[in-house]
Amino acid sequence: MTRDLRLLRVGFTGVVHSIRLETVIAAAPGDCFGLSLSVDAHTASMRASGDCGTRMTDAVEFGSPLGPAGALADDLVLDRYLRQLLSKRNGWLKSTLEARG
């Protein structure tokens, strides 16, 4: 299961886009972490989810420079690209780890 939460807020420098994806994987948090790349920042995004395995949360905030042109690029290109990138990675992690049993 993946939940996709879309958030926008206006920051000091303009619009800040936020992406938050939650994916439940039927595997131990350590296995998820090990497979997703050994980066310390990922540890905080993974926690045990009871009998379901691991609930992995990706949270990304971004805002391009160049004022309105950057905000337009965020809306038309970057937001969609980042969501697809995270969803593909999470899908791969989920299928690979759950196939291991």
PDB file of N, CA and C in Angstrom:
ATOM      1  N   MET A   1       0.844  -1.174   0.000  1.00  0.00           N
ATOM      2  CA  MET A   1       0.000   0.000   0.000  1.00  0.00           C
ATOM      3  C   MET A   1       0.889   1.235   0.000  1.00  0.00           C
ATOM      4  N   THR A   2       0.588   2.172  -0.862  1.00  0.00           N
ATOM      5  CA  THR A   2       1.304   3.435  -0.882  1.00  0.00           C
ATOM      6  C   THR A   2       0.287   4.561  -0.781  1.00  0.00           C
ATOM      7  N   ARG A   3       0.529   5.487   0.152  1.00  0.00           N
ATOM      8  CA  ARG A   3      -0.293   6.692   0.276  1.00  0.00           C
ATOM      9  C   ARG A   3       0.525   7.861  -0.217  1.00  0.00           C
ATOM     10  N   ASP A   4      -0.103   8.721  -1.013  1.00  0.00           N
ATOM     11  CA  ASP A   4       0.563   9.882  -1.584  1.00  0.00           C
ATOM     12  C   ASP A   4      -0.137  11.125  -1.060  1.00  0.00           C
ATOM     13  N   LEU A   5       0.567  11.926  -0.280  1.00  0.00           N
ATOM     14  CA  LEU A   5       0.011  13.148   0.276  1.00  0.00           C
ATOM     15  C   LEU A   5       0.635  14.334  -0.429  1.00  0.00           C
ATOM     16  N   ARG A   6      -0.172  15.229  -0.971  1.00  0.00           N
ATOM     17  CA  ARG A   6       0.322  16.411  -1.688  1.00  0.00           C
ATOM     18  C   ARG A   6       0.131  17.644  -0.819  1.00  0.00           C
ATOM     19  N   LEU A   7       1.180  18.394  -0.654  1.00  0.00           N
ATOM     20  CA  LEU A   7       1.122  19.607   0.161  1.00  0.00           C
ATOM     21  C   LEU A   7       1.819  20.741  -0.564  1.00  0.00           C
ATOM     22  N   LEU A   8       1.300  21.919  -0.428  1.00  0.00           N
ATOM     23  CA  LEU A   8       1.948  23.133  -0.930  1.00  0.00           C
ATOM     24  C   LEU A   8       1.931  24.146   0.201  1.00  0.00           C
ATOM     25  N   ARG A   9       2.985  24.921   0.332  1.00  0.00           N
ATOM     26  CA  ARG A   9       2.980  26.013   1.290  1.00  0.00           C
ATOM     27  C   ARG A   9       3.805  27.145   0.711  1.00  0.00           C
ATOM     28  N   VAL A  10       3.510  28.319   1.146  1.00  0.00           N
ATOM     29  CA  VAL A  10       4.257  29.480   0.677  1.00  0.00           C
ATOM     30  C   VAL A  10       5.328  29.785   1.711  1.00  0.00           C
ATOM     31  N   GLY A  11       6.577  29.724   1.276  1.00  0.00           N
ATOM     32  CA  GLY A  11       7.706  30.020   2.138  1.00  0.00           C
ATOM     33  C   GLY A  11       8.245  31.411   1.856  1.00  0.00           C
ATOM     34  N   PHE A  12       9.324  31.747   2.508  1.00  0.00           N
ATOM     35  CA  PHE A  12       9.942  33.072   2.367  1.00  0.00           C
ATOM     36  C   PHE A  12      10.352  33.348   0.927  1.00  0.00           C
ATOM     37  N   THR A  13      10.845  32.306   0.235  1.00  0.00           N
ATOM     38  CA  THR A  13      11.331  32.495  -1.128  1.00  0.00           C
ATOM     39  C   THR A  13      10.303  32.118  -2.178  1.00  0.00           C
ATOM     40  N   GLY A  14       9.085  31.772  -1.778  1.00  0.00           N
ATOM     41  CA  GLY A  14       8.051  31.410  -2.740  1.00  0.00           C
ATOM     42  C   GLY A  14       7.370  30.111  -2.357  1.00  0.00           C
ATOM     43  N   VAL A  15       6.793  29.442  -3.330  1.00  0.00           N
ATOM     44  CA  VAL A  15       6.049  28.216  -3.096  1.00  0.00           C
ATOM     45  C   VAL A  15       7.016  27.068  -2.851  1.00  0.00           C
ATOM     46  N   VAL A  16       6.748  26.310  -1.800  1.00  0.00           N
ATOM     47  CA  VAL A  16       7.535  25.114  -1.501  1.00  0.00           C
ATOM     48  C   VAL A  16       6.629  23.916  -1.687  1.00  0.00           C
ATOM     49  N   HIS A  17       7.029  23.004  -2.533  1.00  0.00           N
ATOM     50  CA  HIS A  17       6.273  21.786  -2.777  1.00  0.00           C
ATOM     51  C   HIS A  17       6.728  20.715  -1.792  1.00  0.00           C
ATOM     52  N   SER A  18       5.803  19.920  -1.324  1.00  0.00           N
ATOM     53  CA  SER A  18       6.129  18.830  -0.413  1.00  0.00           C
ATOM     54  C   SER A  18       5.551  17.536  -0.957  1.00  0.00           C
ATOM     55  N   ILE A  19       6.349  16.497  -0.921  1.00  0.00           N
ATOM     56  CA  ILE A  19       5.920  15.161  -1.308  1.00  0.00           C
ATOM     57  C   ILE A  19       6.106  14.272  -0.100  1.00  0.00           C
ATOM     58  N   ARG A  20       5.090  13.490   0.225  1.00  0.00           N
ATOM     59  CA  ARG A  20       5.198  12.530   1.315  1.00  0.00           C
ATOM     60  C   ARG A  20       4.538  11.241   0.854  1.00  0.00           C
ATOM     61  N   LEU A  21       5.321  10.199   0.677  1.00  0.00           N
ATOM     62  CA  LEU A  21       4.824   8.888   0.279  1.00  0.00           C
ATOM     63  C   LEU A  21       5.038   7.912   1.416  1.00  0.00           C
ATOM     64  N   GLU A  22       4.018   7.138   1.736  1.00  0.00           N
ATOM     65  CA  GLU A  22       4.136   6.089   2.740  1.00  0.00           C
ATOM     66  C   GLU A  22       3.875   4.757   2.061  1.00  0.00           C
ATOM     67  N   THR A  23       4.794   3.820   2.221  1.00  0.00           N
ATOM     68  CA  THR A  23       4.689   2.497   1.611  1.00  0.00           C
ATOM     69  C   THR A  23       4.860   1.441   2.686  1.00  0.00           C
ATOM     70  N   VAL A  24       3.924   0.484   2.756  1.00  0.00           N
ATOM     71  CA  VAL A  24       4.032  -0.617   3.711  1.00  0.00           C
ATOM     72  C   VAL A  24       4.624  -1.809   2.983  1.00  0.00           C
ATOM     73  N   ILE A  25       5.701  -2.349   3.550  1.00  0.00           N
ATOM     74  CA  ILE A  25       6.428  -3.469   2.949  1.00  0.00           C
ATOM     75  C   ILE A  25       6.456  -4.608   3.955  1.00  0.00           C
ATOM     76  N   ALA A  26       6.091  -5.806   3.519  1.00  0.00           N
ATOM     77  CA  ALA A  26       6.088  -6.971   4.396  1.00  0.00           C
ATOM     78  C   ALA A  26       7.508  -7.510   4.540  1.00  0.00           C
ATOM     79  N   ALA A  27       8.338  -6.748   5.229  1.00  0.00           N
ATOM     80  CA  ALA A  27       9.736  -7.117   5.483  1.00  0.00           C
ATOM     81  C   ALA A  27      10.209  -6.321   6.689  1.00  0.00           C
ATOM     82  N   ALA A  28      11.277  -6.785   7.280  1.00  0.00           N
ATOM     83  CA  ALA A  28      11.844  -6.114   8.458  1.00  0.00           C
ATOM     84  C   ALA A  28      12.446  -4.761   8.061  1.00  0.00           C
ATOM     85  N   PRO A  29      12.397  -3.780   8.971  1.00  0.00           N
ATOM     86  CA  PRO A  29      12.986  -2.472   8.658  1.00  0.00           C
ATOM     87  C   PRO A  29      14.458  -2.559   8.230  1.00  0.00           C
ATOM     88  N   GLY A  30      15.228  -3.419   8.869  1.00  0.00           N
ATOM     89  CA  GLY A  30      16.643  -3.552   8.513  1.00  0.00           C
ATOM     90  C   GLY A  30      16.843  -4.028   7.090  1.00  0.00           C
ATOM     91  N   ASP A  31      15.987  -4.955   6.648  1.00  0.00           N
ATOM     92  CA  ASP A  31      16.080  -5.442   5.268  1.00  0.00           C
ATOM     93  C   ASP A  31      15.731  -4.334   4.281  1.00  0.00           C
ATOM     94  N   CYS A  32      14.705  -3.539   4.605  1.00  0.00           N
ATOM     95  CA  CYS A  32      14.311  -2.422   3.734  1.00  0.00           C
ATOM     96  C   CYS A  32      15.443  -1.414   3.625  1.00  0.00           C
ATOM     97  N   PHE A  33      16.008  -1.095   4.769  1.00  0.00           N
ATOM     98  CA  PHE A  33      17.092  -0.117   4.790  1.00  0.00           C
ATOM     99  C   PHE A  33      18.291  -0.611   3.990  1.00  0.00           C
ATOM    100  N   GLY A  34      18.687  -1.851   4.222  1.00  0.00           N
ATOM    101  CA  GLY A  34      19.852  -2.399   3.541  1.00  0.00           C
ATOM    102  C   GLY A  34      19.706  -2.391   2.034  1.00  0.00           C
ATOM    103  N   LEU A  35      18.487  -2.649   1.562  1.00  0.00           N
ATOM    104  CA  LEU A  35      18.273  -2.710   0.126  1.00  0.00           C
ATOM    105  C   LEU A  35      18.116  -1.329  -0.501  1.00  0.00           C
ATOM    106  N   SER A  36      17.639  -0.368   0.237  1.00  0.00           N
ATOM    107  CA  SER A  36      17.336   0.947  -0.335  1.00  0.00           C
ATOM    108  C   SER A  36      18.546   1.855  -0.495  1.00  0.00           C
ATOM    109  N   LEU A  37      19.665   1.427  -0.079  1.00  0.00           N
ATOM    110  CA  LEU A  37      20.950   2.130  -0.118  1.00  0.00           C
ATOM    111  C   LEU A  37      21.360   2.417   1.313  1.00  0.00           C
ATOM    112  N   SER A  38      22.593   2.253   1.580  1.00  0.00           N
ATOM    113  CA  SER A  38      23.075   2.408   2.938  1.00  0.00           C
ATOM    114  C   SER A  38      23.376   3.872   3.234  1.00  0.00           C
ATOM    115  N   VAL A  39      22.335   4.674   3.350  1.00  0.00           N
ATOM    116  CA  VAL A  39      22.466   6.094   3.620  1.00  0.00           C
ATOM    117  C   VAL A  39      21.791   6.375   4.957  1.00  0.00           C
ATOM    118  N   ASP A  40      22.501   7.025   5.883  1.00  0.00           N
ATOM    119  CA  ASP A  40      21.963   7.262   7.221  1.00  0.00           C
ATOM    120  C   ASP A  40      20.612   7.963   7.210  1.00  0.00           C
ATOM    121  N   ALA A  41      20.384   8.838   6.258  1.00  0.00           N
ATOM    122  CA  ALA A  41      19.125   9.590   6.223  1.00  0.00           C
ATOM    123  C   ALA A  41      17.919   8.682   6.044  1.00  0.00           C
ATOM    124  N   HIS A  42      18.102   7.538   5.402  1.00  0.00           N
ATOM    125  CA  HIS A  42      16.972   6.636   5.176  1.00  0.00           C
ATOM    126  C   HIS A  42      16.535   5.921   6.448  1.00  0.00           C
ATOM    127  N   THR A  43      17.399   5.787   7.412  1.00  0.00           N
ATOM    128  CA  THR A  43      17.062   5.087   8.649  1.00  0.00           C
ATOM    129  C   THR A  43      15.862   5.732   9.328  1.00  0.00           C
ATOM    130  N   ALA A  44      15.832   7.042   9.371  1.00  0.00           N
ATOM    131  CA  ALA A  44      14.747   7.747  10.053  1.00  0.00           C
ATOM    132  C   ALA A  44      13.415   7.577   9.340  1.00  0.00           C
ATOM    133  N   SER A  45      13.427   7.221   8.064  1.00  0.00           N
ATOM    134  CA  SER A  45      12.180   7.104   7.317  1.00  0.00           C
ATOM    135  C   SER A  45      11.541   5.733   7.436  1.00  0.00           C
ATOM    136  N   MET A  46      12.177   4.813   8.140  1.00  0.00           N
ATOM    137  CA  MET A  46      11.659   3.456   8.234  1.00  0.00           C
ATOM    138  C   MET A  46      11.444   3.065   9.681  1.00  0.00           C
ATOM    139  N   ARG A  47      10.268   2.523   9.940  1.00  0.00           N
ATOM    140  CA  ARG A  47       9.976   2.063  11.292  1.00  0.00           C
ATOM    141  C   ARG A  47       9.109   0.822  11.200  1.00  0.00           C
ATOM    142  N   ALA A  48       9.124   0.030  12.257  1.00  0.00           N
ATOM    143  CA  ALA A  48       8.319  -1.181  12.285  1.00  0.00           C
ATOM    144  C   ALA A  48       6.849  -0.811  12.178  1.00  0.00           C
ATOM    145  N   SER A  49       6.089  -1.649  11.497  1.00  0.00           N
ATOM    146  CA  SER A  49       4.672  -1.398  11.294  1.00  0.00           C
ATOM    147  C   SER A  49       3.862  -2.583  11.791  1.00  0.00           C
ATOM    148  N   GLY A  50       4.152  -3.066  12.981  1.00  0.00           N
ATOM    149  CA  GLY A  50       3.409  -4.192  13.551  1.00  0.00           C
ATOM    150  C   GLY A  50       3.545  -5.437  12.704  1.00  0.00           C
ATOM    151  N   ASP A  51       2.448  -6.128  12.502  1.00  0.00           N
ATOM    152  CA  ASP A  51       2.453  -7.375  11.724  1.00  0.00           C
ATOM    153  C   ASP A  51       2.649  -7.141  10.234  1.00  0.00           C
ATOM    154  N   CYS A  52       2.458  -5.905   9.794  1.00  0.00           N
ATOM    155  CA  CYS A  52       2.542  -5.605   8.358  1.00  0.00           C
ATOM    156  C   CYS A  52       3.969  -5.561   7.849  1.00  0.00           C
ATOM    157  N   GLY A  53       4.938  -5.396   8.713  1.00  0.00           N
ATOM    158  CA  GLY A  53       6.325  -5.292   8.283  1.00  0.00           C
ATOM    159  C   GLY A  53       6.879  -3.921   8.576  1.00  0.00           C
ATOM    160  N   THR A  54       7.145  -3.138   7.544  1.00  0.00           N
ATOM    161  CA  THR A  54       7.770  -1.822   7.691  1.00  0.00           C
ATOM    162  C   THR A  54       6.942  -0.772   6.980  1.00  0.00           C
ATOM    163  N   ARG A  55       6.761   0.359   7.628  1.00  0.00           N
ATOM    164  CA  ARG A  55       6.140   1.517   6.978  1.00  0.00           C
ATOM    165  C   ARG A  55       7.274   2.486   6.660  1.00  0.00           C
ATOM    166  N   MET A  56       7.529   2.657   5.380  1.00  0.00           N
ATOM    167  CA  MET A  56       8.605   3.520   4.926  1.00  0.00           C
ATOM    168  C   MET A  56       7.991   4.841   4.474  1.00  0.00           C
ATOM    169  N   THR A  57       8.518   5.944   4.967  1.00  0.00           N
ATOM    170  CA  THR A  57       7.996   7.269   4.619  1.00  0.00           C
ATOM    171  C   THR A  57       9.080   8.079   3.936  1.00  0.00           C
ATOM    172  N   ASP A  58       8.770   8.566   2.742  1.00  0.00           N
ATOM    173  CA  ASP A  58       9.652   9.479   2.027  1.00  0.00           C
ATOM    174  C   ASP A  58       9.039  10.865   2.130  1.00  0.00           C
ATOM    175  N   ALA A  59       9.812  11.830   2.578  1.00  0.00           N
ATOM    176  CA  ALA A  59       9.344  13.212   2.662  1.00  0.00           C
ATOM    177  C   ALA A  59      10.350  14.101   1.933  1.00  0.00           C
ATOM    178  N   VAL A  60       9.876  14.836   0.934  1.00  0.00           N
ATOM    179  CA  VAL A  60      10.738  15.687   0.124  1.00  0.00           C
ATOM    180  C   VAL A  60      10.095  17.070   0.028  1.00  0.00           C
ATOM    181  N   GLU A  61      10.871  18.101   0.283  1.00  0.00           N
ATOM    182  CA  GLU A  61      10.426  19.474   0.059  1.00  0.00           C
ATOM    183  C   GLU A  61      11.347  20.093  -0.979  1.00  0.00           C
ATOM    184  N   PHE A  62      10.755  20.795  -1.923  1.00  0.00           N
ATOM    185  CA  PHE A  62      11.577  21.404  -2.967  1.00  0.00           C
ATOM    186  C   PHE A  62      10.921  22.671  -3.492  1.00  0.00           C
ATOM    187  N   GLY A  63      11.726  23.523  -4.023  1.00  0.00           N
ATOM    188  CA  GLY A  63      11.273  24.749  -4.676  1.00  0.00           C
ATOM    189  C   GLY A  63      12.392  25.229  -5.575  1.00  0.00           C
ATOM    190  N   SER A  64      12.092  25.370  -6.836  1.00  0.00           N
ATOM    191  CA  SER A  64      13.109  25.800  -7.798  1.00  0.00           C
ATOM    192  C   SER A  64      13.331  27.297  -7.724  1.00  0.00           C
ATOM    193  N   PRO A  65      14.538  27.749  -8.070  1.00  0.00           N
ATOM    194  CA  PRO A  65      14.803  29.190  -8.125  1.00  0.00           C
ATOM    195  C   PRO A  65      14.107  29.820  -9.335  1.00  0.00           C
ATOM    196  N   LEU A  66      14.261  31.057  -9.528  1.00  0.00           N
ATOM    197  CA  LEU A  66      13.763  31.826 -10.678  1.00  0.00           C
ATOM    198  C   LEU A  66      12.292  32.231 -10.545  1.00  0.00           C
ATOM    199  N   GLY A  67      11.813  32.336  -9.319  1.00  0.00           N
ATOM    200  CA  GLY A  67      10.478  32.878  -9.083  1.00  0.00           C
ATOM    201  C   GLY A  67       9.364  32.139  -9.792  1.00  0.00           C
ATOM    202  N   PRO A  68       8.504  32.865 -10.512  1.00  0.00           N
ATOM    203  CA  PRO A  68       7.364  32.226 -11.173  1.00  0.00           C
ATOM    204  C   PRO A  68       7.766  31.166 -12.195  1.00  0.00           C
ATOM    205  N   ALA A  69       8.874  31.377 -12.894  1.00  0.00           N
ATOM    206  CA  ALA A  69       9.330  30.378 -13.876  1.00  0.00           C
ATOM    207  C   ALA A  69       9.718  29.076 -13.173  1.00  0.00           C
ATOM    208  N   GLY A  70      10.394  29.197 -12.032  1.00  0.00           N
ATOM    209  CA  GLY A  70      10.760  28.009 -11.268  1.00  0.00           C
ATOM    210  C   GLY A  70       9.539  27.308 -10.709  1.00  0.00           C
ATOM    211  N   ALA A  71       8.568  28.070 -10.200  1.00  0.00           N
ATOM    212  CA  ALA A  71       7.330  27.482  -9.674  1.00  0.00           C
ATOM    213  C   ALA A  71       6.577  26.755 -10.780  1.00  0.00           C
ATOM    214  N   LEU A  72       6.567  27.309 -11.982  1.00  0.00           N
ATOM    215  CA  LEU A  72       5.917  26.664 -13.120  1.00  0.00           C
ATOM    216  C   LEU A  72       6.619  25.356 -13.470  1.00  0.00           C
ATOM    217  N   ALA A  73       7.942  25.372 -13.472  1.00  0.00           N
ATOM    218  CA  ALA A  73       8.709  24.144 -13.735  1.00  0.00           C
ATOM    219  C   ALA A  73       8.411  23.083 -12.667  1.00  0.00           C
ATOM    220  N   ASP A  74       8.311  23.510 -11.412  1.00  0.00           N
ATOM    221  CA  ASP A  74       7.964  22.577 -10.334  1.00  0.00           C
ATOM    222  C   ASP A  74       6.614  21.929 -10.611  1.00  0.00           C
ATOM    223  N   ASP A  75       5.620  22.755 -10.957  1.00  0.00           N
ATOM    224  CA  ASP A  75       4.263  22.262 -11.189  1.00  0.00           C
ATOM    225  C   ASP A  75       4.170  21.349 -12.408  1.00  0.00           C
ATOM    226  N   LEU A  76       4.849  21.729 -13.491  1.00  0.00           N
ATOM    227  CA  LEU A  76       4.705  21.005 -14.748  1.00  0.00           C
ATOM    228  C   LEU A  76       5.617  19.795 -14.888  1.00  0.00           C
ATOM    229  N   VAL A  77       6.773  19.816 -14.222  1.00  0.00           N
ATOM    230  CA  VAL A  77       7.762  18.767 -14.461  1.00  0.00           C
ATOM    231  C   VAL A  77       8.265  18.105 -13.178  1.00  0.00           C
ATOM    232  N   LEU A  78       8.841  18.881 -12.297  1.00  0.00           N
ATOM    233  CA  LEU A  78       9.598  18.322 -11.177  1.00  0.00           C
ATOM    234  C   LEU A  78       8.744  17.527 -10.193  1.00  0.00           C
ATOM    235  N   ASP A  79       7.562  18.040  -9.835  1.00  0.00           N
ATOM    236  CA  ASP A  79       6.699  17.342  -8.889  1.00  0.00           C
ATOM    237  C   ASP A  79       6.354  15.940  -9.404  1.00  0.00           C
ATOM    238  N   ARG A  80       5.903  15.870 -10.630  1.00  0.00           N
ATOM    239  CA  ARG A  80       5.531  14.573 -11.229  1.00  0.00           C
ATOM    240  C   ARG A  80       6.741  13.639 -11.320  1.00  0.00           C
ATOM    241  N   TYR A  81       7.866  14.164 -11.772  1.00  0.00           N
ATOM    242  CA  TYR A  81       9.078  13.354 -11.901  1.00  0.00           C
ATOM    243  C   TYR A  81       9.499  12.755 -10.558  1.00  0.00           C
ATOM    244  N   LEU A  82       9.534  13.580  -9.510  1.00  0.00           N
ATOM    245  CA  LEU A  82       9.963  13.088  -8.194  1.00  0.00           C
ATOM    246  C   LEU A  82       8.998  12.051  -7.639  1.00  0.00           C
ATOM    247  N   ARG A  83       7.694  12.259  -7.810  1.00  0.00           N
ATOM    248  CA  ARG A  83       6.708  11.281  -7.348  1.00  0.00           C
ATOM    249  C   ARG A  83       6.895   9.940  -8.058  1.00  0.00           C
ATOM    250  N   GLN A  84       7.096   9.993  -9.378  1.00  0.00           N
ATOM    251  CA  GLN A  84       7.311   8.761 -10.139  1.00  0.00           C
ATOM    252  C   GLN A  84       8.600   8.067  -9.718  1.00  0.00           C
ATOM    253  N   LEU A  85       9.658   8.840  -9.513  1.00  0.00           N
ATOM    254  CA  LEU A  85      10.935   8.276  -9.090  1.00  0.00           C
ATOM    255  C   LEU A  85      10.799   7.556  -7.748  1.00  0.00           C
ATOM    256  N   LEU A  86      10.190   8.218  -6.771  1.00  0.00           N
ATOM    257  CA  LEU A  86      10.007   7.610  -5.450  1.00  0.00           C
ATOM    258  C   LEU A  86       9.076   6.402  -5.505  1.00  0.00           C
ATOM    259  N   SER A  87       8.009   6.505  -6.267  1.00  0.00           N
ATOM    260  CA  SER A  87       7.062   5.390  -6.385  1.00  0.00           C
ATOM    261  C   SER A  87       7.710   4.171  -7.039  1.00  0.00           C
ATOM    262  N   LYS A  88       8.506   4.404  -8.088  1.00  0.00           N
ATOM    263  CA  LYS A  88       9.207   3.292  -8.749  1.00  0.00           C
ATOM    264  C   LYS A  88      10.190   2.625  -7.791  1.00  0.00           C
ATOM    265  N   ARG A  89      10.962   3.449  -7.085  1.00  0.00           N
ATOM    266  CA  ARG A  89      11.931   2.899  -6.137  1.00  0.00           C
ATOM    267  C   ARG A  89      11.214   2.106  -5.050  1.00  0.00           C
ATOM    268  N   ASN A  90      10.138   2.650  -4.499  1.00  0.00           N
ATOM    269  CA  ASN A  90       9.411   1.958  -3.440  1.00  0.00           C
ATOM    270  C   ASN A  90       8.766   0.682  -3.947  1.00  0.00           C
ATOM    271  N   GLY A  91       8.244   0.703  -5.166  1.00  0.00           N
ATOM    272  CA  GLY A  91       7.674  -0.509  -5.758  1.00  0.00           C
ATOM    273  C   GLY A  91       8.714  -1.594  -5.932  1.00  0.00           C
ATOM    274  N   TRP A  92       9.895  -1.200  -6.377  1.00  0.00           N
ATOM    275  CA  TRP A  92      10.981  -2.167  -6.552  1.00  0.00           C
ATOM    276  C   TRP A  92      11.407  -2.750  -5.202  1.00  0.00           C
ATOM    277  N   LEU A  93      11.576  -1.871  -4.201  1.00  0.00           N
ATOM    278  CA  LEU A  93      11.932  -2.352  -2.864  1.00  0.00           C
ATOM    279  C   LEU A  93      10.896  -3.326  -2.339  1.00  0.00           C
ATOM    280  N   LYS A  94       9.635  -2.958  -2.464  1.00  0.00           N
ATOM    281  CA  LYS A  94       8.541  -3.787  -1.956  1.00  0.00           C
ATOM    282  C   LYS A  94       8.529  -5.160  -2.640  1.00  0.00           C
ATOM    283  N   SER A  95       8.563  -5.182  -3.965  1.00  0.00           N
ATOM    284  CA  SER A  95       8.501  -6.468  -4.675  1.00  0.00           C
ATOM    285  C   SER A  95       9.732  -7.320  -4.429  1.00  0.00           C
ATOM    286  N   THR A  96      10.900  -6.706  -4.359  1.00  0.00           N
ATOM    287  CA  THR A  96      12.131  -7.464  -4.130  1.00  0.00           C
ATOM    288  C   THR A  96      12.156  -8.079  -2.724  1.00  0.00           C
ATOM    289  N   LEU A  97      11.825  -7.273  -1.724  1.00  0.00           N
ATOM    290  CA  LEU A  97      11.863  -7.770  -0.336  1.00  0.00           C
ATOM    291  C   LEU A  97      10.750  -8.777  -0.058  1.00  0.00           C
ATOM    292  N   GLU A  98       9.559  -8.550  -0.578  1.00  0.00           N
ATOM    293  CA  GLU A  98       8.472  -9.471  -0.313  1.00  0.00           C
ATOM    294  C   GLU A  98       8.646 -10.790  -1.060  1.00  0.00           C
ATOM    295  N   ALA A  99       9.374 -10.780  -2.185  1.00  0.00           N
ATOM    296  CA  ALA A  99       9.672 -12.018  -2.904  1.00  0.00           C
ATOM    297  C   ALA A  99      10.645 -12.903  -2.108  1.00  0.00           C
ATOM    298  N   ARG A 100      11.475 -12.256  -1.281  1.00  0.00           N
ATOM    299  CA  ARG A 100      12.418 -13.005  -0.451  1.00  0.00           C
ATOM    300  C   ARG A 100      11.719 -13.737   0.684  1.00  0.00           C
ATOM    301  N   GLY A 101      10.518 -13.250   1.024  1.00  0.00           N
ATOM    302  CA  GLY A 101       9.745 -13.895   2.096  1.00  0.00           C
ATOM    303  C   GLY A 101      10.143 -13.452   3.391  1.00  0.00           C
TER     304      GLY A 101
END
